[in-house]
């Protein structure tokens, strides 16, 4: 799983040939920390059809503000450079995958 920043968000997410699941996260967020192993597993299992990245909201306010992220964790799926799905809150891997399946 890759960490992205304001500086490389466009190259890593917007320009990606694969759909990208972005977790907007923060170090101080317990549900975000719970999602770490879930996202690592998802990235390992679905890496051929989905890229999974994290963006720390405190260190990257430009991207966070651009997408109007107010709660953590927020998940957004980007396809062809556009956000196509957004969800807020921690969830099990199976549920997360089911929720993003139509966006892949």
PDB file of N, CA and C in Angstrom:
ATOM      1  N   UNK A   1       0.843  -1.171   0.000  1.00  0.00           N
ATOM      2  CA  UNK A   1       0.000   0.000   0.000  1.00  0.00           C
ATOM      3  C   UNK A   1       0.892   1.238   0.000  1.00  0.00           C
ATOM      4  N   UNK A   2       0.510   2.224  -0.767  1.00  0.00           N
ATOM      5  CA  UNK A   2       1.307   3.422  -0.973  1.00  0.00           C
ATOM      6  C   UNK A   2       0.736   4.591  -0.185  1.00  0.00           C
ATOM      7  N   UNK A   3       1.610   5.417   0.356  1.00  0.00           N
ATOM      8  CA  UNK A   3       1.182   6.676   0.947  1.00  0.00           C
ATOM      9  C   UNK A   3       1.379   7.752  -0.104  1.00  0.00           C
ATOM     10  N   UNK A   4       0.335   8.575  -0.291  1.00  0.00           N
ATOM     11  CA  UNK A   4       0.413   9.658  -1.267  1.00  0.00           C
ATOM     12  C   UNK A   4       0.368  10.990  -0.533  1.00  0.00           C
ATOM     13  N   UNK A   5       0.812  12.030  -1.229  1.00  0.00           N
ATOM     14  CA  UNK A   5       0.865  13.376  -0.664  1.00  0.00           C
ATOM     15  C   UNK A   5       0.198  14.351  -1.631  1.00  0.00           C
ATOM     16  N   UNK A   6       0.067  15.596  -1.180  1.00  0.00           N
ATOM     17  CA  UNK A   6      -0.431  16.635  -2.084  1.00  0.00           C
ATOM     18  C   UNK A   6       0.428  16.690  -3.346  1.00  0.00           C
ATOM     19  N   UNK A   7       1.733  16.531  -3.175  1.00  0.00           N
ATOM     20  CA  UNK A   7       2.672  16.669  -4.294  1.00  0.00           C
ATOM     21  C   UNK A   7       2.529  15.577  -5.345  1.00  0.00           C
ATOM     22  N   UNK A   8       2.214  14.341  -4.918  1.00  0.00           N
ATOM     23  CA  UNK A   8       2.153  13.263  -5.912  1.00  0.00           C
ATOM     24  C   UNK A   8       0.749  12.662  -6.087  1.00  0.00           C
ATOM     25  N   UNK A   9      -0.264  13.303  -5.526  1.00  0.00           N
ATOM     26  CA  UNK A   9      -1.626  12.785  -5.629  1.00  0.00           C
ATOM     27  C   UNK A   9      -2.056  12.644  -7.099  1.00  0.00           C
ATOM     28  N   UNK A  10      -1.779  13.651  -7.877  1.00  0.00           N
ATOM     29  CA  UNK A  10      -2.174  13.599  -9.289  1.00  0.00           C
ATOM     30  C   UNK A  10      -1.505  12.435 -10.011  1.00  0.00           C
ATOM     31  N   UNK A  11      -0.216  12.269  -9.829  1.00  0.00           N
ATOM     32  CA  UNK A  11       0.517  11.192 -10.514  1.00  0.00           C
ATOM     33  C   UNK A  11       0.093   9.820 -10.011  1.00  0.00           C
ATOM     34  N   UNK A  12      -0.132   9.681  -8.713  1.00  0.00           N
ATOM     35  CA  UNK A  12      -0.450   8.381  -8.124  1.00  0.00           C
ATOM     36  C   UNK A  12      -1.925   7.994  -8.256  1.00  0.00           C
ATOM     37  N   UNK A  13      -2.807   8.983  -8.237  1.00  0.00           N
ATOM     38  CA  UNK A  13      -4.246   8.691  -8.204  1.00  0.00           C
ATOM     39  C   UNK A  13      -4.940   9.123  -9.495  1.00  0.00           C
ATOM     40  N   UNK A  14      -4.852  10.383  -9.820  1.00  0.00           N
ATOM     41  CA  UNK A  14      -5.588  10.919 -10.975  1.00  0.00           C
ATOM     42  C   UNK A  14      -5.113  10.267 -12.278  1.00  0.00           C
ATOM     43  N   UNK A  15      -3.810  10.070 -12.430  1.00  0.00           N
ATOM     44  CA  UNK A  15      -3.257   9.517 -13.666  1.00  0.00           C
ATOM     45  C   UNK A  15      -3.163   7.994 -13.675  1.00  0.00           C
ATOM     46  N   UNK A  16      -3.652   7.327 -12.636  1.00  0.00           N
ATOM     47  CA  UNK A  16      -3.545   5.871 -12.553  1.00  0.00           C
ATOM     48  C   UNK A  16      -4.413   5.186 -13.602  1.00  0.00           C
ATOM     49  N   UNK A  17      -3.860   4.144 -14.209  1.00  0.00           N
ATOM     50  CA  UNK A  17      -4.639   3.353 -15.159  1.00  0.00           C
ATOM     51  C   UNK A  17      -5.628   2.448 -14.449  1.00  0.00           C
ATOM     52  N   UNK A  18      -5.313   2.053 -13.213  1.00  0.00           N
ATOM     53  CA  UNK A  18      -6.217   1.241 -12.403  1.00  0.00           C
ATOM     54  C   UNK A  18      -7.127   2.144 -11.575  1.00  0.00           C
ATOM     55  N   UNK A  19      -8.306   1.669 -11.209  1.00  0.00           N
ATOM     56  CA  UNK A  19      -9.087   2.399 -10.204  1.00  0.00           C
ATOM     57  C   UNK A  19      -8.261   2.480  -8.918  1.00  0.00           C
ATOM     58  N   UNK A  20      -8.454   3.547  -8.155  1.00  0.00           N
ATOM     59  CA  UNK A  20      -7.682   3.765  -6.936  1.00  0.00           C
ATOM     60  C   UNK A  20      -8.624   3.973  -5.760  1.00  0.00           C
ATOM     61  N   UNK A  21      -8.390   3.216  -4.693  1.00  0.00           N
ATOM     62  CA  UNK A  21      -9.091   3.432  -3.433  1.00  0.00           C
ATOM     63  C   UNK A  21      -8.177   4.273  -2.558  1.00  0.00           C
ATOM     64  N   UNK A  22      -8.629   5.472  -2.200  1.00  0.00           N
ATOM     65  CA  UNK A  22      -7.865   6.374  -1.346  1.00  0.00           C
ATOM     66  C   UNK A  22      -8.499   6.383   0.037  1.00  0.00           C
ATOM     67  N   UNK A  23      -7.683   6.114   1.055  1.00  0.00           N
ATOM     68  CA  UNK A  23      -8.135   6.310   2.422  1.00  0.00           C
ATOM     69  C   UNK A  23      -7.568   7.633   2.905  1.00  0.00           C
ATOM     70  N   UNK A  24      -8.454   8.572   3.236  1.00  0.00           N
ATOM     71  CA  UNK A  24      -8.053   9.809   3.881  1.00  0.00           C
ATOM     72  C   UNK A  24      -7.985   9.486   5.368  1.00  0.00           C
ATOM     73  N   UNK A  25      -6.798   9.592   5.940  1.00  0.00           N
ATOM     74  CA  UNK A  25      -6.535   9.068   7.276  1.00  0.00           C
ATOM     75  C   UNK A  25      -5.798  10.090   8.124  1.00  0.00           C
ATOM     76  N   UNK A  26      -5.685   9.787   9.414  1.00  0.00           N
ATOM     77  CA  UNK A  26      -4.920  10.629  10.332  1.00  0.00           C
ATOM     78  C   UNK A  26      -4.306   9.735  11.401  1.00  0.00           C
ATOM     79  N   UNK A  27      -3.129  10.121  11.870  1.00  0.00           N
ATOM     80  CA  UNK A  27      -2.437   9.331  12.895  1.00  0.00           C
ATOM     81  C   UNK A  27      -3.232   9.245  14.194  1.00  0.00           C
ATOM     82  N   UNK A  28      -3.998  10.275  14.498  1.00  0.00           N
ATOM     83  CA  UNK A  28      -4.736  10.342  15.759  1.00  0.00           C
ATOM     84  C   UNK A  28      -6.085   9.621  15.700  1.00  0.00           C
ATOM     85  N   UNK A  29      -6.406   8.998  14.595  1.00  0.00           N
ATOM     86  CA  UNK A  29      -7.732   8.409  14.358  1.00  0.00           C
ATOM     87  C   UNK A  29      -7.711   6.901  14.625  1.00  0.00           C
ATOM     88  N   UNK A  30      -8.297   6.432  15.741  1.00  0.00           N
ATOM     89  CA  UNK A  30      -8.300   4.985  16.023  1.00  0.00           C
ATOM     90  C   UNK A  30      -8.971   4.133  14.932  1.00  0.00           C
ATOM     91  N   UNK A  31     -10.129   4.534  14.380  1.00  0.00           N
ATOM     92  CA  UNK A  31     -10.708   3.711  13.308  1.00  0.00           C
ATOM     93  C   UNK A  31      -9.800   3.635  12.071  1.00  0.00           C
ATOM     94  N   UNK A  32      -9.041   4.692  11.835  1.00  0.00           N
ATOM     95  CA  UNK A  32      -8.103   4.680  10.707  1.00  0.00           C
ATOM     96  C   UNK A  32      -7.014   3.632  10.937  1.00  0.00           C
ATOM     97  N   UNK A  33      -6.515   3.586  12.164  1.00  0.00           N
ATOM     98  CA  UNK A  33      -5.487   2.587  12.485  1.00  0.00           C
ATOM     99  C   UNK A  33      -6.043   1.175  12.343  1.00  0.00           C
ATOM    100  N   UNK A  34      -7.310   0.971  12.690  1.00  0.00           N
ATOM    101  CA  UNK A  34      -7.941  -0.341  12.539  1.00  0.00           C
ATOM    102  C   UNK A  34      -8.013  -0.742  11.066  1.00  0.00           C
ATOM    103  N   UNK A  35      -8.134   0.223  10.189  1.00  0.00           N
ATOM    104  CA  UNK A  35      -8.282  -0.074   8.763  1.00  0.00           C
ATOM    105  C   UNK A  35      -6.962  -0.427   8.094  1.00  0.00           C
ATOM    106  N   UNK A  36      -5.830  -0.138   8.725  1.00  0.00           N
ATOM    107  CA  UNK A  36      -4.528  -0.430   8.127  1.00  0.00           C
ATOM    108  C   UNK A  36      -4.384  -1.862   7.650  1.00  0.00           C
ATOM    109  N   UNK A  37      -4.596  -2.865   8.525  1.00  0.00           N
ATOM    110  CA  UNK A  37      -4.468  -4.258   8.081  1.00  0.00           C
ATOM    111  C   UNK A  37      -5.509  -4.645   7.022  1.00  0.00           C
ATOM    112  N   UNK A  38      -6.690  -4.077   7.119  1.00  0.00           N
ATOM    113  CA  UNK A  38      -7.743  -4.355   6.133  1.00  0.00           C
ATOM    114  C   UNK A  38      -7.304  -3.868   4.758  1.00  0.00           C
ATOM    115  N   UNK A  39      -6.782  -2.661   4.705  1.00  0.00           N
ATOM    116  CA  UNK A  39      -6.360  -2.089   3.425  1.00  0.00           C
ATOM    117  C   UNK A  39      -5.139  -2.806   2.857  1.00  0.00           C
ATOM    118  N   UNK A  40      -4.219  -3.215   3.721  1.00  0.00           N
ATOM    119  CA  UNK A  40      -3.050  -3.971   3.248  1.00  0.00           C
ATOM    120  C   UNK A  40      -3.484  -5.301   2.633  1.00  0.00           C
ATOM    121  N   UNK A  41      -4.427  -5.959   3.271  1.00  0.00           N
ATOM    122  CA  UNK A  41      -4.943  -7.223   2.737  1.00  0.00           C
ATOM    123  C   UNK A  41      -5.668  -6.993   1.416  1.00  0.00           C
ATOM    124  N   UNK A  42      -6.466  -5.954   1.362  1.00  0.00           N
ATOM    125  CA  UNK A  42      -7.196  -5.635   0.136  1.00  0.00           C
ATOM    126  C   UNK A  42      -6.228  -5.326  -1.001  1.00  0.00           C
ATOM    127  N   UNK A  43      -5.188  -4.565  -0.708  1.00  0.00           N
ATOM    128  CA  UNK A  43      -4.186  -4.234  -1.729  1.00  0.00           C
ATOM    129  C   UNK A  43      -3.491  -5.494  -2.233  1.00  0.00           C
ATOM    130  N   UNK A  44      -3.193  -6.430  -1.333  1.00  0.00           N
ATOM    131  CA  UNK A  44      -2.521  -7.667  -1.728  1.00  0.00           C
ATOM    132  C   UNK A  44      -3.431  -8.563  -2.558  1.00  0.00           C
ATOM    133  N   UNK A  45      -4.696  -8.631  -2.188  1.00  0.00           N
ATOM    134  CA  UNK A  45      -5.626  -9.536  -2.865  1.00  0.00           C
ATOM    135  C   UNK A  45      -6.186  -8.969  -4.169  1.00  0.00           C
ATOM    136  N   UNK A  46      -6.329  -7.665  -4.251  1.00  0.00           N
ATOM    137  CA  UNK A  46      -6.992  -7.044  -5.414  1.00  0.00           C
ATOM    138  C   UNK A  46      -6.038  -6.183  -6.242  1.00  0.00           C
ATOM    139  N   UNK A  47      -4.737  -6.317  -6.005  1.00  0.00           N
ATOM    140  CA  UNK A  47      -3.752  -5.452  -6.646  1.00  0.00           C
ATOM    141  C   UNK A  47      -3.743  -5.472  -8.158  1.00  0.00           C
ATOM    142  N   UNK A  48      -4.274  -6.523  -8.771  1.00  0.00           N
ATOM    143  CA  UNK A  48      -4.301  -6.577 -10.234  1.00  0.00           C
ATOM    144  C   UNK A  48      -5.424  -5.728 -10.822  1.00  0.00           C
ATOM    145  N   UNK A  49      -6.387  -5.323  -9.992  1.00  0.00           N
ATOM    146  CA  UNK A  49      -7.486  -4.509 -10.529  1.00  0.00           C
ATOM    147  C   UNK A  49      -7.797  -3.268  -9.710  1.00  0.00           C
ATOM    148  N   UNK A  50      -7.038  -3.049  -8.612  1.00  0.00           N
ATOM    149  CA  UNK A  50      -7.291  -1.912  -7.740  1.00  0.00           C
ATOM    150  C   UNK A  50      -5.995  -1.488  -7.068  1.00  0.00           C
ATOM    151  N   UNK A  51      -5.729  -0.200  -7.090  1.00  0.00           N
ATOM    152  CA  UNK A  51      -4.603   0.372  -6.358  1.00  0.00           C
ATOM    153  C   UNK A  51      -5.162   0.946  -5.058  1.00  0.00           C
ATOM    154  N   UNK A  52      -4.476   0.691  -3.938  1.00  0.00           N
ATOM    155  CA  UNK A  52      -4.918   1.173  -2.635  1.00  0.00           C
ATOM    156  C   UNK A  52      -3.854   2.102  -2.073  1.00  0.00           C
ATOM    157  N   UNK A  53      -4.268   3.325  -1.707  1.00  0.00           N
ATOM    158  CA  UNK A  53      -3.331   4.309  -1.172  1.00  0.00           C
ATOM    159  C   UNK A  53      -3.934   4.996   0.047  1.00  0.00           C
ATOM    160  N   UNK A  54      -3.057   5.608   0.845  1.00  0.00           N
ATOM    161  CA  UNK A  54      -3.479   6.393   1.999  1.00  0.00           C
ATOM    162  C   UNK A  54      -2.957   7.813   1.847  1.00  0.00           C
ATOM    163  N   UNK A  55      -3.747   8.779   2.329  1.00  0.00           N
ATOM    164  CA  UNK A  55      -3.332  10.172   2.355  1.00  0.00           C
ATOM    165  C   UNK A  55      -3.563  10.698   3.760  1.00  0.00           C
ATOM    166  N   UNK A  56      -2.503  11.168   4.409  1.00  0.00           N
ATOM    167  CA  UNK A  56      -2.616  11.728   5.745  1.00  0.00           C
ATOM    168  C   UNK A  56      -3.199  13.139   5.631  1.00  0.00           C
ATOM    169  N   UNK A  57      -4.376  13.338   6.218  1.00  0.00           N
ATOM    170  CA  UNK A  57      -5.081  14.611   6.058  1.00  0.00           C
ATOM    171  C   UNK A  57      -4.360  15.773   6.727  1.00  0.00           C
ATOM    172  N   UNK A  58      -3.679  15.505   7.841  1.00  0.00           N
ATOM    173  CA  UNK A  58      -2.987  16.580   8.550  1.00  0.00           C
ATOM    174  C   UNK A  58      -1.776  17.081   7.773  1.00  0.00           C
ATOM    175  N   UNK A  59      -1.082  16.192   7.107  1.00  0.00           N
ATOM    176  CA  UNK A  59       0.114  16.555   6.354  1.00  0.00           C
ATOM    177  C   UNK A  59      -0.195  17.019   4.934  1.00  0.00           C
ATOM    178  N   UNK A  60      -1.436  16.820   4.477  1.00  0.00           N
ATOM    179  CA  UNK A  60      -1.795  17.110   3.082  1.00  0.00           C
ATOM    180  C   UNK A  60      -3.132  17.840   2.993  1.00  0.00           C
ATOM    181  N   UNK A  61      -3.175  19.075   3.490  1.00  0.00           N
ATOM    182  CA  UNK A  61      -4.451  19.798   3.543  1.00  0.00           C
ATOM    183  C   UNK A  61      -5.006  20.207   2.178  1.00  0.00           C
ATOM    184  N   UNK A  62      -4.167  20.384   1.192  1.00  0.00           N
ATOM    185  CA  UNK A  62      -4.660  20.840  -0.118  1.00  0.00           C
ATOM    186  C   UNK A  62      -5.597  19.810  -0.732  1.00  0.00           C
ATOM    187  N   UNK A  63      -5.153  18.577  -0.801  1.00  0.00           N
ATOM    188  CA  UNK A  63      -5.995  17.516  -1.373  1.00  0.00           C
ATOM    189  C   UNK A  63      -7.203  17.250  -0.489  1.00  0.00           C
ATOM    190  N   UNK A  64      -6.989  17.226   0.814  1.00  0.00           N
ATOM    191  CA  UNK A  64      -8.088  17.003   1.761  1.00  0.00           C
ATOM    192  C   UNK A  64      -9.175  18.047   1.578  1.00  0.00           C
ATOM    193  N   UNK A  65      -8.803  19.305   1.499  1.00  0.00           N
ATOM    194  CA  UNK A  65      -9.781  20.378   1.323  1.00  0.00           C
ATOM    195  C   UNK A  65     -10.432  20.340  -0.055  1.00  0.00           C
ATOM    196  N   UNK A  66      -9.649  20.009  -1.070  1.00  0.00           N
ATOM    197  CA  UNK A  66     -10.191  19.951  -2.433  1.00  0.00           C
ATOM    198  C   UNK A  66     -11.354  18.953  -2.524  1.00  0.00           C
ATOM    199  N   UNK A  67     -11.217  17.826  -1.854  1.00  0.00           N
ATOM    200  CA  UNK A  67     -12.267  16.801  -1.901  1.00  0.00           C
ATOM    201  C   UNK A  67     -13.238  16.897  -0.724  1.00  0.00           C
ATOM    202  N   UNK A  68     -13.136  17.991   0.041  1.00  0.00           N
ATOM    203  CA  UNK A  68     -14.068  18.301   1.125  1.00  0.00           C
ATOM    204  C   UNK A  68     -14.186  17.174   2.158  1.00  0.00           C
ATOM    205  N   UNK A  69     -13.044  16.599   2.501  1.00  0.00           N
ATOM    206  CA  UNK A  69     -13.011  15.522   3.485  1.00  0.00           C
ATOM    207  C   UNK A  69     -13.055  16.123   4.884  1.00  0.00           C
ATOM    208  N   UNK A  70     -14.061  15.724   5.670  1.00  0.00           N
ATOM    209  CA  UNK A  70     -14.243  16.256   7.006  1.00  0.00           C
ATOM    210  C   UNK A  70     -14.140  15.195   8.090  1.00  0.00           C
ATOM    211  N   UNK A  71     -14.350  13.941   7.753  1.00  0.00           N
ATOM    212  CA  UNK A  71     -14.336  12.851   8.730  1.00  0.00           C
ATOM    213  C   UNK A  71     -13.329  11.796   8.306  1.00  0.00           C
ATOM    214  N   UNK A  72     -12.755  11.130   9.325  1.00  0.00           N
ATOM    215  CA  UNK A  72     -11.798  10.080   9.050  1.00  0.00           C
ATOM    216  C   UNK A  72     -12.267   8.785   9.694  1.00  0.00           C
ATOM    217  N   UNK A  73     -12.043   7.667   9.063  1.00  0.00           N
ATOM    218  CA  UNK A  73     -11.500   7.574   7.706  1.00  0.00           C
ATOM    219  C   UNK A  73     -12.583   7.841   6.659  1.00  0.00           C
ATOM    220  N   UNK A  74     -12.181   8.514   5.603  1.00  0.00           N
ATOM    221  CA  UNK A  74     -13.017   8.661   4.418  1.00  0.00           C
ATOM    222  C   UNK A  74     -12.347   7.874   3.312  1.00  0.00           C
ATOM    223  N   UNK A  75     -13.140   7.117   2.588  1.00  0.00           N
ATOM    224  CA  UNK A  75     -12.642   6.336   1.461  1.00  0.00           C
ATOM    225  C   UNK A  75     -13.243   6.898   0.185  1.00  0.00           C
ATOM    226  N   UNK A  76     -12.414   7.084  -0.832  1.00  0.00           N
ATOM    227  CA  UNK A  76     -12.889   7.498  -2.153  1.00  0.00           C
ATOM    228  C   UNK A  76     -12.284   6.588  -3.198  1.00  0.00           C
ATOM    229  N   UNK A  77     -13.118   6.181  -4.143  1.00  0.00           N
ATOM    230  CA  UNK A  77     -12.644   5.417  -5.284  1.00  0.00           C
ATOM    231  C   UNK A  77     -12.562   6.377  -6.467  1.00  0.00           C
ATOM    232  N   UNK A  78     -11.395   6.411  -7.086  1.00  0.00           N
ATOM    233  CA  UNK A  78     -11.170   7.219  -8.281  1.00  0.00           C
ATOM    234  C   UNK A  78     -11.026   6.283  -9.469  1.00  0.00           C
ATOM    235  N   UNK A  79     -11.726   6.626 -10.535  1.00  0.00           N
ATOM    236  CA  UNK A  79     -11.608   5.872 -11.782  1.00  0.00           C
ATOM    237  C   UNK A  79     -11.474   6.889 -12.909  1.00  0.00           C
ATOM    238  N   UNK A  80     -10.470   6.703 -13.747  1.00  0.00           N
ATOM    239  CA  UNK A  80     -10.196   7.623 -14.852  1.00  0.00           C
ATOM    240  C   UNK A  80     -10.052   9.058 -14.342  1.00  0.00           C
ATOM    241  N   UNK A  81      -9.434   9.201 -13.165  1.00  0.00           N
ATOM    242  CA  UNK A  81      -9.142  10.519 -12.633  1.00  0.00           C
ATOM    243  C   UNK A  81     -10.265  11.206 -11.893  1.00  0.00           C
ATOM    244  N   UNK A  82     -11.409  10.560 -11.800  1.00  0.00           N
ATOM    245  CA  UNK A  82     -12.575  11.183 -11.158  1.00  0.00           C
ATOM    246  C   UNK A  82     -13.026  10.369  -9.953  1.00  0.00           C
ATOM    247  N   UNK A  83     -13.454  11.049  -8.881  1.00  0.00           N
ATOM    248  CA  UNK A  83     -14.021  10.307  -7.752  1.00  0.00           C
ATOM    249  C   UNK A  83     -15.392   9.751  -8.146  1.00  0.00           C
ATOM    250  N   UNK A  84     -15.577   8.444  -7.969  1.00  0.00           N
ATOM    251  CA  UNK A  84     -16.834   7.810  -8.377  1.00  0.00           C
ATOM    252  C   UNK A  84     -17.602   7.217  -7.201  1.00  0.00           C
ATOM    253  N   UNK A  85     -16.963   7.160  -6.025  1.00  0.00           N
ATOM    254  CA  UNK A  85     -17.618   6.594  -4.847  1.00  0.00           C
ATOM    255  C   UNK A  85     -16.930   7.155  -3.619  1.00  0.00           C
ATOM    256  N   UNK A  86     -17.721   7.487  -2.592  1.00  0.00           N
ATOM    257  CA  UNK A  86     -17.156   7.962  -1.323  1.00  0.00           C
ATOM    258  C   UNK A  86     -17.906   7.317  -0.172  1.00  0.00           C
ATOM    259  N   UNK A  87     -17.163   6.974   0.876  1.00  0.00           N
ATOM    260  CA  UNK A  87     -17.737   6.347   2.068  1.00  0.00           C
ATOM    261  C   UNK A  87     -16.990   6.872   3.284  1.00  0.00           C
ATOM    262  N   UNK A  88     -17.679   6.950   4.402  1.00  0.00           N
ATOM    263  CA  UNK A  88     -17.058   7.416   5.640  1.00  0.00           C
ATOM    264  C   UNK A  88     -17.209   6.343   6.699  1.00  0.00           C
ATOM    265  N   UNK A  89     -16.123   6.071   7.410  1.00  0.00           N
ATOM    266  CA  UNK A  89     -16.167   5.156   8.541  1.00  0.00           C
ATOM    267  C   UNK A  89     -15.496   3.828   8.270  1.00  0.00           C
ATOM    268  N   UNK A  90     -14.995   3.233   9.359  1.00  0.00           N
ATOM    269  CA  UNK A  90     -14.340   1.927   9.271  1.00  0.00           C
ATOM    270  C   UNK A  90     -15.359   0.849   8.961  1.00  0.00           C
ATOM    271  N   UNK A  91     -14.896  -0.205   8.283  1.00  0.00           N
ATOM    272  CA  UNK A  91     -15.758  -1.338   7.938  1.00  0.00           C
ATOM    273  C   UNK A  91     -14.891  -2.548   7.673  1.00  0.00           C
ATOM    274  N   UNK A  92     -15.449  -3.731   7.798  1.00  0.00           N
ATOM    275  CA  UNK A  92     -14.690  -4.951   7.495  1.00  0.00           C
ATOM    276  C   UNK A  92     -14.331  -5.026   6.008  1.00  0.00           C
ATOM    277  N   UNK A  93     -13.284  -5.780   5.701  1.00  0.00           N
ATOM    278  CA  UNK A  93     -12.802  -5.893   4.316  1.00  0.00           C
ATOM    279  C   UNK A  93     -13.897  -6.361   3.365  1.00  0.00           C
ATOM    280  N   UNK A  94     -14.642  -7.367   3.749  1.00  0.00           N
ATOM    281  CA  UNK A  94     -15.685  -7.904   2.874  1.00  0.00           C
ATOM    282  C   UNK A  94     -16.723  -6.832   2.518  1.00  0.00           C
ATOM    283  N   UNK A  95     -17.131  -6.068   3.530  1.00  0.00           N
ATOM    284  CA  UNK A  95     -18.116  -5.004   3.286  1.00  0.00           C
ATOM    285  C   UNK A  95     -17.527  -3.901   2.422  1.00  0.00           C
ATOM    286  N   UNK A  96     -16.278  -3.510   2.701  1.00  0.00           N
ATOM    287  CA  UNK A  96     -15.632  -2.473   1.907  1.00  0.00           C
ATOM    288  C   UNK A  96     -15.534  -2.899   0.448  1.00  0.00           C
ATOM    289  N   UNK A  97     -15.107  -4.118   0.210  1.00  0.00           N
ATOM    290  CA  UNK A  97     -15.001  -4.617  -1.159  1.00  0.00           C
ATOM    291  C   UNK A  97     -16.364  -4.659  -1.836  1.00  0.00           C
ATOM    292  N   UNK A  98     -17.392  -5.103  -1.125  1.00  0.00           N
ATOM    293  CA  UNK A  98     -18.734  -5.140  -1.705  1.00  0.00           C
ATOM    294  C   UNK A  98     -19.225  -3.742  -2.077  1.00  0.00           C
ATOM    295  N   UNK A  99     -18.909  -2.767  -1.240  1.00  0.00           N
ATOM    296  CA  UNK A  99     -19.354  -1.398  -1.486  1.00  0.00           C
ATOM    297  C   UNK A  99     -18.641  -0.747  -2.673  1.00  0.00           C
ATOM    298  N   UNK A 100     -17.403  -1.143  -2.935  1.00  0.00           N
ATOM    299  CA  UNK A 100     -16.672  -0.506  -4.040  1.00  0.00           C
ATOM    300  C   UNK A 100     -16.714  -1.328  -5.325  1.00  0.00           C
ATOM    301  N   UNK A 101     -17.243  -2.525  -5.264  1.00  0.00           N
ATOM    302  CA  UNK A 101     -17.234  -3.447  -6.410  1.00  0.00           C
ATOM    303  C   UNK A 101     -17.805  -2.802  -7.675  1.00  0.00           C
ATOM    304  N   UNK A 102     -18.926  -2.093  -7.561  1.00  0.00           N
ATOM    305  CA  UNK A 102     -19.545  -1.488  -8.747  1.00  0.00           C
ATOM    306  C   UNK A 102     -18.717  -0.343  -9.317  1.00  0.00           C
ATOM    307  N   UNK A 103     -17.771   0.190  -8.538  1.00  0.00           N
ATOM    308  CA  UNK A 103     -16.936   1.286  -9.016  1.00  0.00           C
ATOM    309  C   UNK A 103     -15.659   0.801  -9.683  1.00  0.00           C
ATOM    310  N   UNK A 104     -15.400  -0.496  -9.637  1.00  0.00           N
ATOM    311  CA  UNK A 104     -14.152  -1.031 -10.200  1.00  0.00           C
ATOM    312  C   UNK A 104     -14.262  -1.311 -11.673  1.00  0.00           C
TER     313      UNK A 104
END
